[in-house]
Amino acid sequence: MITIKEKKKTRIGEELIFSLKAPISFSNAIRRIMISEVPTYAIEDVYIYENSSSMDDEILAHRLGLIPIKGKPLLENEIITFTLEKEGPCTVYSSDLESENGEVAFENIPIVKLGNGQRIRIVCEAVPGIGKVHAKWQPCNAVYKQIADDEVEFFVETFGQMEAEEILEEAIKILKNKAESFLQQLEMLDNK
């Protein structure tokens, strides 16, 4: 049984505190799935057509990959395309990334500072992934403490891609699917 105790918006996403009546092993499974198996979007492929800034292409691509992208992936092969074209002198922010089908979670993340006459022209592709593969797809941090023999209190801090309750719902679905798959495998072993 899940009881929501507190939910609030923060500068970088949301904080959610809830209690869960379940064995510790179940609670830990939920925590691990929330951190590492709930899919989110992140910029994976970066095509740099022009970069006369002082930042190397690889560093620029890495910085772009760490910008949180809003949304819950529905399909494994979805792609959100962003374009970025700027000329200095200026500071390039995440709000400068333009897309027809996607949105950055925060518009004030600095990417690179361009000097007079410096230019960048980039196309990026955000794809679904999970935190188990790379931290850029991690939707939240989650910790818990035991408050009774069969009850824990969770503290979840999101990074802006999804709402905290949405992450929790996805984690529960993933755990349910894993349990059903495990039971099917056990039944197949019993039938042999």
C-alpha atoms as a PDB file:
ATOM      1  CA  MET A   1       0.000   0.000   0.000  1.00  0.00           C
ATOM      2  CA  ILE A   2       1.395   3.374  -1.059  1.00  0.00           C
ATOM      3  CA  THR A   3       0.600   6.587   0.816  1.00  0.00           C
ATOM      4  CA  ILE A   4       1.714   9.934  -0.655  1.00  0.00           C
ATOM      5  CA  LYS A   5       2.920  12.163   2.188  1.00  0.00           C
ATOM      6  CA  GLU A   6       4.373  15.196   0.420  1.00  0.00           C
ATOM      7  CA  LYS A   7       4.919  16.419  -3.120  1.00  0.00           C
ATOM      8  CA  LYS A   8       6.520  19.698  -4.138  1.00  0.00           C
ATOM      9  CA  LYS A   9       8.125  21.364  -7.135  1.00  0.00           C
ATOM     10  CA  THR A  10      11.804  22.239  -6.885  1.00  0.00           C
ATOM     11  CA  ARG A  11      14.277  24.167  -8.997  1.00  0.00           C
ATOM     12  CA  ILE A  12      15.321  20.957 -10.774  1.00  0.00           C
ATOM     13  CA  GLY A  13      12.125  18.884 -10.828  1.00  0.00           C
ATOM     14  CA  GLU A  14      10.003  17.469  -8.029  1.00  0.00           C
ATOM     15  CA  GLU A  15      10.383  15.941  -4.592  1.00  0.00           C
ATOM     16  CA  LEU A  16       8.029  13.187  -3.532  1.00  0.00           C
ATOM     17  CA  ILE A  17       7.806  11.549  -0.116  1.00  0.00           C
ATOM     18  CA  PHE A  18       5.650   8.446   0.183  1.00  0.00           C
ATOM     19  CA  SER A  19       5.392   5.420   2.426  1.00  0.00           C
ATOM     20  CA  LEU A  20       5.165   1.845   1.214  1.00  0.00           C
ATOM     21  CA  LYS A  21       3.934  -1.141   3.224  1.00  0.00           C
ATOM     22  CA  ALA A  22       5.969  -3.996   1.781  1.00  0.00           C
ATOM     23  CA  PRO A  23       8.972  -6.180   2.581  1.00  0.00           C
ATOM     24  CA  ILE A  24      12.372  -4.453   2.367  1.00  0.00           C
ATOM     25  CA  SER A  25      13.366  -6.558  -0.668  1.00  0.00           C
ATOM     26  CA  PHE A  26      10.300  -5.309  -2.551  1.00  0.00           C
ATOM     27  CA  SER A  27      11.043  -1.716  -1.534  1.00  0.00           C
ATOM     28  CA  ASN A  28      14.621  -1.998  -2.734  1.00  0.00           C
ATOM     29  CA  ALA A  29      13.436  -3.458  -6.058  1.00  0.00           C
ATOM     30  CA  ILE A  30      11.137  -0.449  -6.564  1.00  0.00           C
ATOM     31  CA  ARG A  31      13.983   1.965  -5.722  1.00  0.00           C
ATOM     32  CA  ARG A  32      16.424   0.289  -8.120  1.00  0.00           C
ATOM     33  CA  ILE A  33      13.886   0.194 -10.951  1.00  0.00           C
ATOM     34  CA  MET A  34      12.992   3.879 -10.451  1.00  0.00           C
ATOM     35  CA  ILE A  35      16.657   4.847 -10.760  1.00  0.00           C
ATOM     36  CA  SER A  36      17.854   2.506 -13.480  1.00  0.00           C
ATOM     37  CA  GLU A  37      15.017   1.011 -15.547  1.00  0.00           C
ATOM     38  CA  VAL A  38      12.340   3.671 -16.100  1.00  0.00           C
ATOM     39  CA  PRO A  39      12.904   4.891 -19.680  1.00  0.00           C
ATOM     40  CA  THR A  40      13.439   8.578 -20.451  1.00  0.00           C
ATOM     41  CA  TYR A  41      14.799  10.627 -23.360  1.00  0.00           C
ATOM     42  CA  ALA A  42      18.363  11.895 -23.655  1.00  0.00           C
ATOM     43  CA  ILE A  43      20.402  13.282 -26.529  1.00  0.00           C
ATOM     44  CA  GLU A  44      22.461  10.402 -27.885  1.00  0.00           C
ATOM     45  CA  ASP A  45      23.494  11.339 -31.430  1.00  0.00           C
ATOM     46  CA  VAL A  46      24.998  14.765 -32.139  1.00  0.00           C
ATOM     47  CA  TYR A  47      25.832  15.864 -35.690  1.00  0.00           C
ATOM     48  CA  ILE A  48      28.140  18.884 -35.631  1.00  0.00           C
ATOM     49  CA  TYR A  49      28.188  20.705 -38.961  1.00  0.00           C
ATOM     50  CA  GLU A  50      30.033  23.755 -37.687  1.00  0.00           C
ATOM     51  CA  ASN A  51      31.792  24.480 -34.400  1.00  0.00           C
ATOM     52  CA  SER A  52      34.230  27.374 -34.265  1.00  0.00           C
ATOM     53  CA  SER A  53      33.772  27.791 -30.481  1.00  0.00           C
ATOM     54  CA  SER A  54      36.590  27.166 -28.011  1.00  0.00           C
ATOM     55  CA  MET A  55      34.886  23.920 -26.878  1.00  0.00           C
ATOM     56  CA  ASP A  56      35.877  20.591 -28.472  1.00  0.00           C
ATOM     57  CA  ASP A  57      33.183  18.696 -30.381  1.00  0.00           C
ATOM     58  CA  GLU A  58      33.269  15.766 -27.918  1.00  0.00           C
ATOM     59  CA  ILE A  59      32.787  18.022 -24.873  1.00  0.00           C
ATOM     60  CA  LEU A  60      29.975  19.894 -26.609  1.00  0.00           C
ATOM     61  CA  ALA A  61      28.238  16.593 -27.459  1.00  0.00           C
ATOM     62  CA  HIS A  62      28.650  15.388 -23.859  1.00  0.00           C
ATOM     63  CA  ARG A  63      27.117  18.599 -22.467  1.00  0.00           C
ATOM     64  CA  LEU A  64      24.161  18.289 -24.846  1.00  0.00           C
ATOM     65  CA  GLY A  65      23.631  14.677 -23.757  1.00  0.00           C
ATOM     66  CA  LEU A  66      23.205  15.716 -20.126  1.00  0.00           C
ATOM     67  CA  ILE A  67      20.369  18.202 -20.792  1.00  0.00           C
ATOM     68  CA  PRO A  68      17.119  16.627 -19.475  1.00  0.00           C
ATOM     69  CA  ILE A  69      14.454  16.135 -22.152  1.00  0.00           C
ATOM     70  CA  LYS A  70      10.772  16.191 -21.105  1.00  0.00           C
ATOM     71  CA  GLY A  71       8.470  13.314 -21.848  1.00  0.00           C
ATOM     72  CA  LYS A  72       7.734   9.664 -21.297  1.00  0.00           C
ATOM     73  CA  PRO A  73       8.856   7.428 -24.181  1.00  0.00           C
ATOM     74  CA  LEU A  74       6.054   5.364 -25.694  1.00  0.00           C
ATOM     75  CA  LEU A  75       8.125   3.379 -28.207  1.00  0.00           C
ATOM     76  CA  GLU A  76      11.715   2.095 -28.086  1.00  0.00           C
ATOM     77  CA  ASN A  77      12.649   3.611 -31.457  1.00  0.00           C
ATOM     78  CA  GLU A  78      11.219   7.117 -30.987  1.00  0.00           C
ATOM     79  CA  ILE A  79      13.518   9.969 -31.965  1.00  0.00           C
ATOM     80  CA  ILE A  80      13.210  13.630 -31.000  1.00  0.00           C
ATOM     81  CA  THR A  81      15.289  15.881 -33.250  1.00  0.00           C
ATOM     82  CA  PHE A  82      16.726  19.179 -32.014  1.00  0.00           C
ATOM     83  CA  THR A  83      18.534  21.811 -34.065  1.00  0.00           C
ATOM     84  CA  LEU A  84      20.872  24.504 -32.801  1.00  0.00           C
ATOM     85  CA  GLU A  85      22.348  27.339 -34.806  1.00  0.00           C
ATOM     86  CA  LYS A  86      23.915  30.371 -33.110  1.00  0.00           C
ATOM     87  CA  GLU A  87      26.572  32.983 -33.791  1.00  0.00           C
ATOM     88  CA  GLY A  88      28.515  34.895 -31.143  1.00  0.00           C
ATOM     89  CA  PRO A  89      29.086  36.873 -29.165  1.00  0.00           C
ATOM     90  CA  CYS A  90      26.539  35.157 -26.896  1.00  0.00           C
ATOM     91  CA  THR A  91      25.989  32.367 -24.414  1.00  0.00           C
ATOM     92  CA  VAL A  92      24.150  29.403 -25.897  1.00  0.00           C
ATOM     93  CA  TYR A  93      21.494  27.981 -23.576  1.00  0.00           C
ATOM     94  CA  SER A  94      19.343  24.843 -23.665  1.00  0.00           C
ATOM     95  CA  SER A  95      16.421  27.108 -24.688  1.00  0.00           C
ATOM     96  CA  ASP A  96      18.225  27.602 -28.013  1.00  0.00           C
ATOM     97  CA  LEU A  97      17.607  23.936 -28.896  1.00  0.00           C
ATOM     98  CA  GLU A  98      14.655  23.912 -31.297  1.00  0.00           C
ATOM     99  CA  SER A  99      12.392  20.948 -31.982  1.00  0.00           C
ATOM    100  CA  GLU A 100       8.999  20.238 -33.507  1.00  0.00           C
ATOM    101  CA  ASN A 101       8.305  17.194 -31.336  1.00  0.00           C
ATOM    102  CA  GLY A 102      10.305  17.662 -28.123  1.00  0.00           C
ATOM    103  CA  GLU A 103      11.105  20.035 -25.289  1.00  0.00           C
ATOM    104  CA  VAL A 104      14.010  20.502 -22.907  1.00  0.00           C
ATOM    105  CA  ALA A 105      13.141  20.280 -19.211  1.00  0.00           C
ATOM    106  CA  PHE A 106      15.043  23.471 -18.314  1.00  0.00           C
ATOM    107  CA  GLU A 107      15.683  26.426 -20.606  1.00  0.00           C
ATOM    108  CA  ASN A 108      18.471  28.074 -18.598  1.00  0.00           C
ATOM    109  CA  ILE A 109      21.253  25.454 -18.864  1.00  0.00           C
ATOM    110  CA  PRO A 110      24.363  27.065 -20.393  1.00  0.00           C
ATOM    111  CA  ILE A 111      25.916  24.981 -23.177  1.00  0.00           C
ATOM    112  CA  VAL A 112      28.781  27.095 -24.561  1.00  0.00           C
ATOM    113  CA  LYS A 113      29.932  30.701 -24.695  1.00  0.00           C
ATOM    114  CA  LEU A 114      30.572  31.990 -28.222  1.00  0.00           C
ATOM    115  CA  GLY A 115      33.031  34.780 -28.897  1.00  0.00           C
ATOM    116  CA  ASN A 116      32.790  37.371 -31.647  1.00  0.00           C
ATOM    117  CA  GLY A 117      32.340  35.599 -35.009  1.00  0.00           C
ATOM    118  CA  GLN A 118      32.233  32.080 -33.495  1.00  0.00           C
ATOM    119  CA  ARG A 119      29.416  29.830 -34.729  1.00  0.00           C
ATOM    120  CA  ILE A 120      27.846  26.488 -33.996  1.00  0.00           C
ATOM    121  CA  ARG A 121      25.439  24.551 -36.197  1.00  0.00           C
ATOM    122  CA  ILE A 122      24.262  21.247 -34.757  1.00  0.00           C
ATOM    123  CA  VAL A 123      21.521  18.623 -35.141  1.00  0.00           C
ATOM    124  CA  CYS A 124      20.864  16.335 -32.133  1.00  0.00           C
ATOM    125  CA  GLU A 125      18.727  13.244 -31.722  1.00  0.00           C
ATOM    126  CA  ALA A 126      17.204  12.352 -28.353  1.00  0.00           C
ATOM    127  CA  VAL A 127      16.308   8.683 -27.982  1.00  0.00           C
ATOM    128  CA  PRO A 128      14.746   6.586 -25.215  1.00  0.00           C
ATOM    129  CA  GLY A 129      17.070   4.786 -22.817  1.00  0.00           C
ATOM    130  CA  ILE A 130      17.476   3.676 -19.210  1.00  0.00           C
ATOM    131  CA  GLY A 131      19.788   4.730 -16.396  1.00  0.00           C
ATOM    132  CA  LYS A 132      21.312   1.252 -16.293  1.00  0.00           C
ATOM    133  CA  VAL A 133      22.980   2.064 -19.635  1.00  0.00           C
ATOM    134  CA  HIS A 134      24.035   5.675 -18.887  1.00  0.00           C
ATOM    135  CA  ALA A 135      23.279   8.199 -16.143  1.00  0.00           C
ATOM    136  CA  LYS A 136      21.897  10.696 -18.686  1.00  0.00           C
ATOM    137  CA  TRP A 137      18.735   8.539 -18.862  1.00  0.00           C
ATOM    138  CA  GLN A 138      18.325   8.363 -15.055  1.00  0.00           C
ATOM    139  CA  PRO A 139      14.982  10.039 -14.199  1.00  0.00           C
ATOM    140  CA  CYS A 140      15.476  10.445 -10.451  1.00  0.00           C
ATOM    141  CA  ASN A 141      17.325   9.752  -7.230  1.00  0.00           C
ATOM    142  CA  ALA A 142      15.443   7.607  -4.732  1.00  0.00           C
ATOM    143  CA  VAL A 143      16.244   6.601  -1.165  1.00  0.00           C
ATOM    144  CA  TYR A 144      14.203   5.052   1.612  1.00  0.00           C
ATOM    145  CA  LYS A 145      14.352   4.453   5.341  1.00  0.00           C
ATOM    146  CA  GLN A 146      12.606   1.800   7.342  1.00  0.00           C
ATOM    147  CA  ILE A 147       9.947   3.238   9.662  1.00  0.00           C
ATOM    148  CA  ALA A 148       8.325  -0.050  10.767  1.00  0.00           C
ATOM    149  CA  ASP A 149       8.900  -3.795  10.291  1.00  0.00           C
ATOM    150  CA  ASP A 150       7.020  -3.848   7.003  1.00  0.00           C
ATOM    151  CA  GLU A 151       6.943  -0.149   6.067  1.00  0.00           C
ATOM    152  CA  VAL A 152       9.462   2.213   4.484  1.00  0.00           C
ATOM    153  CA  GLU A 153       9.410   5.909   3.659  1.00  0.00           C
ATOM    154  CA  PHE A 154      10.749   6.918   0.251  1.00  0.00           C
ATOM    155  CA  PHE A 155      12.271  10.236  -0.780  1.00  0.00           C
ATOM    156  CA  VAL A 156      12.333  10.723  -4.567  1.00  0.00           C
ATOM    157  CA  GLU A 157      13.945  13.677  -6.356  1.00  0.00           C
ATOM    158  CA  THR A 158      13.283  13.958 -10.099  1.00  0.00           C
ATOM    159  CA  PHE A 159      15.414  15.665 -12.752  1.00  0.00           C
ATOM    160  CA  GLY A 160      12.621  17.258 -14.796  1.00  0.00           C
ATOM    161  CA  GLN A 161      11.974  14.624 -17.475  1.00  0.00           C
ATOM    162  CA  MET A 162       8.863  13.160 -15.814  1.00  0.00           C
ATOM    163  CA  GLU A 163       6.720  13.745 -12.742  1.00  0.00           C
ATOM    164  CA  ALA A 164       7.634  11.743  -9.640  1.00  0.00           C
ATOM    165  CA  GLU A 165       4.318   9.865  -9.490  1.00  0.00           C
ATOM    166  CA  GLU A 166       4.681   8.950 -13.165  1.00  0.00           C
ATOM    167  CA  ILE A 167       8.139   7.493 -12.453  1.00  0.00           C
ATOM    168  CA  LEU A 168       6.713   5.503  -9.529  1.00  0.00           C
ATOM    169  CA  GLU A 169       3.850   4.159 -11.690  1.00  0.00           C
ATOM    170  CA  GLU A 170       6.301   3.096 -14.415  1.00  0.00           C
ATOM    171  CA  ALA A 171       8.537   1.369 -11.853  1.00  0.00           C
ATOM    172  CA  ILE A 172       5.571  -0.577 -10.473  1.00  0.00           C
ATOM    173  CA  LYS A 173       4.564  -1.659 -14.013  1.00  0.00           C
ATOM    174  CA  ILE A 174       8.112  -2.816 -14.751  1.00  0.00           C
ATOM    175  CA  LEU A 175       8.298  -4.769 -11.471  1.00  0.00           C
ATOM    176  CA  LYS A 176       4.901  -6.359 -12.157  1.00  0.00           C
ATOM    177  CA  ASN A 177       6.012  -7.430 -15.653  1.00  0.00           C
ATOM    178  CA  LYS A 178       9.236  -8.912 -14.245  1.00  0.00           C
ATOM    179  CA  ALA A 179       7.303 -10.860 -11.597  1.00  0.00           C
ATOM    180  CA  GLU A 180       4.804 -12.204 -14.165  1.00  0.00           C
ATOM    181  CA  SER A 181       7.654 -13.260 -16.465  1.00  0.00           C
ATOM    182  CA  PHE A 182       9.396 -15.009 -13.568  1.00  0.00           C
ATOM    183  CA  LEU A 183       6.199 -16.870 -12.626  1.00  0.00           C
ATOM    184  CA  GLN A 184       5.716 -17.999 -16.242  1.00  0.00           C
ATOM    185  CA  GLN A 185       9.264 -19.356 -16.302  1.00  0.00           C
ATOM    186  CA  LEU A 186       8.625 -21.243 -13.047  1.00  0.00           C
ATOM    187  CA  GLU A 187       5.423 -22.735 -14.469  1.00  0.00           C
ATOM    188  CA  MET A 188       7.294 -23.882 -17.583  1.00  0.00           C
ATOM    189  CA  LEU A 189       9.885 -25.595 -15.370  1.00  0.00           C
ATOM    190  CA  ASP A 190       7.138 -27.323 -13.366  1.00  0.00           C
ATOM    191  CA  ASN A 191       5.505 -28.616 -16.554  1.00  0.00           C
ATOM    192  CA  LYS A 192       8.686 -30.318 -17.781  1.00  0.00           C
END
